[in-house]
Amino acid sequence: METLTVKITNNKALKIIEDLEYLNLIHIVKESPQTATKKLSEEMSGSISQEQADYMLKHNRNE
């Protein structure tokens, strides 16, 4: 199966799509509003102290 994102520009089109779902030809998946995504590095910034990071790097390099 394939997932497509469709932007509805007309209420008649929405009715047709709902009819297709009723006929079990498609399944409508409603998406939640997307929030601005951050880079993982931005999300994780400050999650551990610099001392903890240095300690982890030092011990991982020795293994």
PDB file of N, CA and C in Angstrom:
ATOM      1  N   MET A   1       0.844  -1.186   0.000  1.00  0.00           N
ATOM      2  CA  MET A   1       0.000   0.000   0.000  1.00  0.00           C
ATOM      3  C   MET A   1       0.884   1.243   0.000  1.00  0.00           C
ATOM      4  N   GLU A   2       0.319   2.309  -0.443  1.00  0.00           N
ATOM      5  CA  GLU A   2       1.041   3.568  -0.558  1.00  0.00           C
ATOM      6  C   GLU A   2       0.294   4.638   0.228  1.00  0.00           C
ATOM      7  N   THR A   3       1.028   5.525   0.860  1.00  0.00           N
ATOM      8  CA  THR A   3       0.428   6.633   1.604  1.00  0.00           C
ATOM      9  C   THR A   3       0.692   7.924   0.842  1.00  0.00           C
ATOM     10  N   LEU A   4      -0.352   8.693   0.643  1.00  0.00           N
ATOM     11  CA  LEU A   4      -0.254   9.972  -0.047  1.00  0.00           C
ATOM     12  C   LEU A   4      -0.789  11.072   0.846  1.00  0.00           C
ATOM     13  N   THR A   5      -0.257  12.254   0.679  1.00  0.00           N
ATOM     14  CA  THR A   5      -0.783  13.419   1.367  1.00  0.00           C
ATOM     15  C   THR A   5      -1.526  14.257   0.344  1.00  0.00           C
ATOM     16  N   VAL A   6      -2.769  14.589   0.652  1.00  0.00           N
ATOM     17  CA  VAL A   6      -3.608  15.332  -0.282  1.00  0.00           C
ATOM     18  C   VAL A   6      -4.108  16.587   0.417  1.00  0.00           C
ATOM     19  N   LYS A   7      -3.997  17.715  -0.263  1.00  0.00           N
ATOM     20  CA  LYS A   7      -4.546  18.961   0.268  1.00  0.00           C
ATOM     21  C   LYS A   7      -5.910  19.181  -0.370  1.00  0.00           C
ATOM     22  N   ILE A   8      -6.952  19.226   0.460  1.00  0.00           N
ATOM     23  CA  ILE A   8      -8.321  19.391  -0.023  1.00  0.00           C
ATOM     24  C   ILE A   8      -8.569  20.881  -0.274  1.00  0.00           C
ATOM     25  N   THR A   9      -8.997  21.206  -1.479  1.00  0.00           N
ATOM     26  CA  THR A   9      -9.250  22.611  -1.821  1.00  0.00           C
ATOM     27  C   THR A   9     -10.730  22.905  -2.039  1.00  0.00           C
ATOM     28  N   ASN A  10     -11.556  21.849  -1.915  1.00  0.00           N
ATOM     29  CA  ASN A  10     -12.968  22.030  -2.185  1.00  0.00           C
ATOM     30  C   ASN A  10     -13.754  21.022  -1.343  1.00  0.00           C
ATOM     31  N   ASN A  11     -14.834  21.462  -0.714  1.00  0.00           N
ATOM     32  CA  ASN A  11     -15.642  20.572   0.123  1.00  0.00           C
ATOM     33  C   ASN A  11     -16.253  19.415  -0.656  1.00  0.00           C
ATOM     34  N   LYS A  12     -16.515  19.619  -1.958  1.00  0.00           N
ATOM     35  CA  LYS A  12     -17.048  18.528  -2.780  1.00  0.00           C
ATOM     36  C   LYS A  12     -16.012  17.412  -2.910  1.00  0.00           C
ATOM     37  N   ALA A  13     -14.749  17.807  -3.016  1.00  0.00           N
ATOM     38  CA  ALA A  13     -13.672  16.813  -3.109  1.00  0.00           C
ATOM     39  C   ALA A  13     -13.586  16.011  -1.810  1.00  0.00           C
ATOM     40  N   LEU A  14     -13.761  16.677  -0.685  1.00  0.00           N
ATOM     41  CA  LEU A  14     -13.733  15.984   0.599  1.00  0.00           C
ATOM     42  C   LEU A  14     -14.858  14.959   0.675  1.00  0.00           C
ATOM     43  N   LYS A  15     -16.031  15.316   0.207  1.00  0.00           N
ATOM     44  CA  LYS A  15     -17.169  14.393   0.202  1.00  0.00           C
ATOM     45  C   LYS A  15     -16.865  13.167  -0.660  1.00  0.00           C
ATOM     46  N   ILE A  16     -16.257  13.383  -1.809  1.00  0.00           N
ATOM     47  CA  ILE A  16     -15.903  12.268  -2.694  1.00  0.00           C
ATOM     48  C   ILE A  16     -14.889  11.349  -2.011  1.00  0.00           C
ATOM     49  N   ILE A  17     -13.910  11.940  -1.355  1.00  0.00           N
ATOM     50  CA  ILE A  17     -12.904  11.140  -0.660  1.00  0.00           C
ATOM     51  C   ILE A  17     -13.542  10.356   0.481  1.00  0.00           C
ATOM     52  N   GLU A  18     -14.444  10.980   1.201  1.00  0.00           N
ATOM     53  CA  GLU A  18     -15.148  10.269   2.280  1.00  0.00           C
ATOM     54  C   GLU A  18     -15.990   9.123   1.721  1.00  0.00           C
ATOM     55  N   ASP A  19     -16.579   9.335   0.548  1.00  0.00           N
ATOM     56  CA  ASP A  19     -17.342   8.261  -0.108  1.00  0.00           C
ATOM     57  C   ASP A  19     -16.426   7.095  -0.483  1.00  0.00           C
ATOM     58  N   LEU A  20     -15.230   7.393  -0.956  1.00  0.00           N
ATOM     59  CA  LEU A  20     -14.268   6.343  -1.290  1.00  0.00           C
ATOM     60  C   LEU A  20     -13.876   5.546  -0.049  1.00  0.00           C
ATOM     61  N   GLU A  21     -13.769   6.231   1.076  1.00  0.00           N
ATOM     62  CA  GLU A  21     -13.465   5.520   2.320  1.00  0.00           C
ATOM     63  C   GLU A  21     -14.653   4.642   2.717  1.00  0.00           C
ATOM     64  N   TYR A  22     -15.844   5.152   2.568  1.00  0.00           N
ATOM     65  CA  TYR A  22     -17.054   4.386   2.891  1.00  0.00           C
ATOM     66  C   TYR A  22     -17.128   3.101   2.070  1.00  0.00           C
ATOM     67  N   LEU A  23     -16.664   3.154   0.840  1.00  0.00           N
ATOM     68  CA  LEU A  23     -16.664   1.986  -0.043  1.00  0.00           C
ATOM     69  C   LEU A  23     -15.459   1.071   0.212  1.00  0.00           C
ATOM     70  N   ASN A  24     -14.681   1.402   1.244  1.00  0.00           N
ATOM     71  CA  ASN A  24     -13.479   0.638   1.604  1.00  0.00           C
ATOM     72  C   ASN A  24     -12.447   0.588   0.481  1.00  0.00           C
ATOM     73  N   LEU A  25     -12.382   1.656  -0.288  1.00  0.00           N
ATOM     74  CA  LEU A  25     -11.378   1.749  -1.337  1.00  0.00           C
ATOM     75  C   LEU A  25     -10.120   2.456  -0.840  1.00  0.00           C
ATOM     76  N   ILE A  26     -10.300   3.329   0.144  1.00  0.00           N
ATOM     77  CA  ILE A  26      -9.178   4.047   0.743  1.00  0.00           C
ATOM     78  C   ILE A  26      -9.418   4.129   2.251  1.00  0.00           C
ATOM     79  N   HIS A  27      -8.391   4.542   2.969  1.00  0.00           N
ATOM     80  CA  HIS A  27      -8.507   4.792   4.404  1.00  0.00           C
ATOM     81  C   HIS A  27      -7.963   6.195   4.667  1.00  0.00           C
ATOM     82  N   ILE A  28      -8.745   7.024   5.312  1.00  0.00           N
ATOM     83  CA  ILE A  28      -8.329   8.386   5.627  1.00  0.00           C
ATOM     84  C   ILE A  28      -7.550   8.367   6.936  1.00  0.00           C
ATOM     85  N   VAL A  29      -6.342   8.924   6.885  1.00  0.00           N
ATOM     86  CA  VAL A  29      -5.495   9.043   8.071  1.00  0.00           C
ATOM     87  C   VAL A  29      -5.367  10.526   8.365  1.00  0.00           C
ATOM     88  N   LYS A  30      -5.929  10.942   9.485  1.00  0.00           N
ATOM     89  CA  LYS A  30      -5.861  12.358   9.837  1.00  0.00           C
ATOM     90  C   LYS A  30      -4.542  12.613  10.547  1.00  0.00           C
ATOM     91  N   GLU A  31      -3.841  13.644  10.106  1.00  0.00           N
ATOM     92  CA  GLU A  31      -2.568  14.003  10.703  1.00  0.00           C
ATOM     93  C   GLU A  31      -2.781  15.090  11.737  1.00  0.00           C
ATOM     94  N   SER A  32      -1.990  15.022  12.783  1.00  0.00           N
ATOM     95  CA  SER A  32      -2.018  16.105  13.758  1.00  0.00           C
ATOM     96  C   SER A  32      -1.182  17.253  13.192  1.00  0.00           C
ATOM     97  N   PRO A  33      -1.482  18.470  13.586  1.00  0.00           N
ATOM     98  CA  PRO A  33      -0.700  19.603  13.079  1.00  0.00           C
ATOM     99  C   PRO A  33       0.772  19.419  13.417  1.00  0.00           C
ATOM    100  N   GLN A  34       1.610  19.623  12.432  1.00  0.00           N
ATOM    101  CA  GLN A  34       3.035  19.427  12.649  1.00  0.00           C
ATOM    102  C   GLN A  34       3.632  20.668  13.300  1.00  0.00           C
ATOM    103  N   THR A  35       4.473  20.411  14.268  1.00  0.00           N
ATOM    104  CA  THR A  35       5.188  21.505  14.890  1.00  0.00           C
ATOM    105  C   THR A  35       6.536  21.629  14.209  1.00  0.00           C
ATOM    106  N   ALA A  36       7.148  22.755  14.381  1.00  0.00           N
ATOM    107  CA  ALA A  36       8.463  22.952  13.793  1.00  0.00           C
ATOM    108  C   ALA A  36       9.417  21.915  14.362  1.00  0.00           C
ATOM    109  N   THR A  37      10.104  21.232  13.485  1.00  0.00           N
ATOM    110  CA  THR A  37      11.013  20.192  13.941  1.00  0.00           C
ATOM    111  C   THR A  37      12.380  20.783  14.217  1.00  0.00           C
ATOM    112  N   LYS A  38      12.998  20.273  15.260  1.00  0.00           N
ATOM    113  CA  LYS A  38      14.341  20.700  15.629  1.00  0.00           C
ATOM    114  C   LYS A  38      15.312  19.595  15.278  1.00  0.00           C
ATOM    115  N   LYS A  39      16.552  19.986  15.092  1.00  0.00           N
ATOM    116  CA  LYS A  39      17.597  18.994  14.921  1.00  0.00           C
ATOM    117  C   LYS A  39      17.750  18.257  16.239  1.00  0.00           C
ATOM    118  N   LEU A  40      18.136  16.999  16.162  1.00  0.00           N
ATOM    119  CA  LEU A  40      18.335  16.212  17.372  1.00  0.00           C
ATOM    120  C   LEU A  40      19.376  16.878  18.262  1.00  0.00           C
ATOM    121  N   SER A  41      20.427  17.430  17.688  1.00  0.00           N
ATOM    122  CA  SER A  41      21.464  18.086  18.482  1.00  0.00           C
ATOM    123  C   SER A  41      20.896  19.280  19.256  1.00  0.00           C
ATOM    124  N   GLU A  42      19.925  19.974  18.656  1.00  0.00           N
ATOM    125  CA  GLU A  42      19.292  21.099  19.349  1.00  0.00           C
ATOM    126  C   GLU A  42      18.410  20.606  20.490  1.00  0.00           C
ATOM    127  N   GLU A  43      17.708  19.492  20.271  1.00  0.00           N
ATOM    128  CA  GLU A  43      16.846  18.940  21.313  1.00  0.00           C
ATOM    129  C   GLU A  43      17.655  18.419  22.493  1.00  0.00           C
ATOM    130  N   MET A  44      18.787  17.817  22.191  1.00  0.00           N
ATOM    131  CA  MET A  44      19.597  17.187  23.233  1.00  0.00           C
ATOM    132  C   MET A  44      20.568  18.161  23.898  1.00  0.00           C
ATOM    133  N   SER A  45      20.727  19.338  23.343  1.00  0.00           N
ATOM    134  CA  SER A  45      21.667  20.311  23.894  1.00  0.00           C
ATOM    135  C   SER A  45      21.365  20.588  25.364  1.00  0.00           C
ATOM    136  N   GLY A  46      22.377  20.427  26.197  1.00  0.00           N
ATOM    137  CA  GLY A  46      22.216  20.689  27.621  1.00  0.00           C
ATOM    138  C   GLY A  46      21.649  19.532  28.407  1.00  0.00           C
ATOM    139  N   SER A  47      21.425  18.382  27.777  1.00  0.00           N
ATOM    140  CA  SER A  47      20.837  17.252  28.497  1.00  0.00           C
ATOM    141  C   SER A  47      21.836  16.610  29.462  1.00  0.00           C
ATOM    142  N   ILE A  48      23.122  16.742  29.153  1.00  0.00           N
ATOM    143  CA  ILE A  48      24.159  16.314  30.107  1.00  0.00           C
ATOM    144  C   ILE A  48      25.181  17.436  30.223  1.00  0.00           C
ATOM    145  N   SER A  49      25.878  17.455  31.325  1.00  0.00           N
ATOM    146  CA  SER A  49      26.870  18.510  31.536  1.00  0.00           C
ATOM    147  C   SER A  49      28.107  18.239  30.695  1.00  0.00           C
ATOM    148  N   GLN A  50      28.919  19.264  30.500  1.00  0.00           N
ATOM    149  CA  GLN A  50      30.154  19.111  29.738  1.00  0.00           C
ATOM    150  C   GLN A  50      31.077  18.117  30.427  1.00  0.00           C
ATOM    151  N   GLU A  51      31.087  18.120  31.765  1.00  0.00           N
ATOM    152  CA  GLU A  51      31.926  17.188  32.516  1.00  0.00           C
ATOM    153  C   GLU A  51      31.499  15.739  32.246  1.00  0.00           C
ATOM    154  N   GLN A  52      30.198  15.497  32.236  1.00  0.00           N
ATOM    155  CA  GLN A  52      29.697  14.150  31.959  1.00  0.00           C
ATOM    156  C   GLN A  52      30.076  13.718  30.540  1.00  0.00           C
ATOM    157  N   ALA A  53      29.967  14.639  29.591  1.00  0.00           N
ATOM    158  CA  ALA A  53      30.316  14.334  28.202  1.00  0.00           C
ATOM    159  C   ALA A  53      31.797  14.000  28.079  1.00  0.00           C
ATOM    160  N   ASP A  54      32.651  14.788  28.733  1.00  0.00           N
ATOM    161  CA  ASP A  54      34.089  14.532  28.698  1.00  0.00           C
ATOM    162  C   ASP A  54      34.413  13.176  29.307  1.00  0.00           C
ATOM    163  N   TYR A  55      33.777  12.860  30.433  1.00  0.00           N
ATOM    164  CA  TYR A  55      33.992  11.576  31.111  1.00  0.00           C
ATOM    165  C   TYR A  55      33.597  10.416  30.193  1.00  0.00           C
ATOM    166  N   MET A  56      32.449  10.533  29.558  1.00  0.00           N
ATOM    167  CA  MET A  56      31.965   9.472  28.674  1.00  0.00           C
ATOM    168  C   MET A  56      32.895   9.286  27.473  1.00  0.00           C
ATOM    169  N   LEU A  57      33.351  10.392  26.894  1.00  0.00           N
ATOM    170  CA  LEU A  57      34.264  10.302  25.758  1.00  0.00           C
ATOM    171  C   LEU A  57      35.573   9.645  26.161  1.00  0.00           C
ATOM    172  N   LYS A  58      36.092  10.036  27.317  1.00  0.00           N
ATOM    173  CA  LYS A  58      37.366   9.501  27.785  1.00  0.00           C
ATOM    174  C   LYS A  58      37.255   7.987  27.992  1.00  0.00           C
ATOM    175  N   HIS A  59      36.192   7.526  28.633  1.00  0.00           N
ATOM    176  CA  HIS A  59      36.043   6.104  28.925  1.00  0.00           C
ATOM    177  C   HIS A  59      35.669   5.281  27.703  1.00  0.00           C
ATOM    178  N   ASN A  60      34.960   5.845  26.763  1.00  0.00           N
ATOM    179  CA  ASN A  60      34.615   5.117  25.540  1.00  0.00           C
ATOM    180  C   ASN A  60      35.835   4.935  24.633  1.00  0.00           C
ATOM    181  N   ARG A  61      36.731   5.892  24.654  1.00  0.00           N
ATOM    182  CA  ARG A  61      37.929   5.799  23.824  1.00  0.00           C
ATOM    183  C   ARG A  61      38.907   4.762  24.368  1.00  0.00           C
ATOM    184  N   ASN A  62      38.861   4.528  25.680  1.00  0.00           N
ATOM    185  CA  ASN A  62      39.776   3.585  26.300  1.00  0.00           C
ATOM    186  C   ASN A  62      39.342   2.136  26.103  1.00  0.00           C
ATOM    187  N   GLU A  63      38.126   1.910  25.702  1.00  0.00           N
ATOM    188  CA  GLU A  63      37.628   0.524  25.560  1.00  0.00           C
ATOM    189  C   GLU A  63      38.028  -0.088  24.251  1.00  0.00           C
TER     190      GLU A  63
END
